[in-house]
Amino acid sequence: QVQLVESGGGLVQAGGSLRLSCAASGRTFSNYAMGWFRRAPGKEREFVAVISWTGGSAYHADSVKGRFTISRENAKNTVYLQMNSLKPEDTAVYYCAARDETTRVPYPRSRWFDRQEYDYWGQGTQVTVSS
């Protein structure tokens, strides 16, 4: 089992920044690719960003590319999502998720964008961007 706890959400004005953190406990953190997803009111949960277990590969959704950056510190069992130039349409609950790279099929990498490919989820943290 892996437990994930997100933090760092809040209310921010458009153009502002937030940094989300996700602390993991349980099994070996470096065995997992880590993703961020979000769910806006009335919408499906969507992919935001993912980072490989080494941190050597990272992908971001087109809607956040150039504004958001995912990173991780395996020594601290933590993954981050730096969010800059926030827009009202970024308002959502943001979820951290872990994908077991020792058991899941690694390719194609597009699997990383599918929420059904993840094994563990946090409870989510609310991000609200006012206009």
Foldseek 3Di string as FASTA:
>chain_A
DKAKAKDWADEEAAQAKIKMKIAIDDDQLLQWKKFKWWDDPPGDIFGAKIAHSVRPDMDGDPVQPPFWDWGDDSVRRMIMIIGGRDDQVVWTWMKMFIARNVPADPPDVCCVGDPVRTDDMYPTDTHGYHD
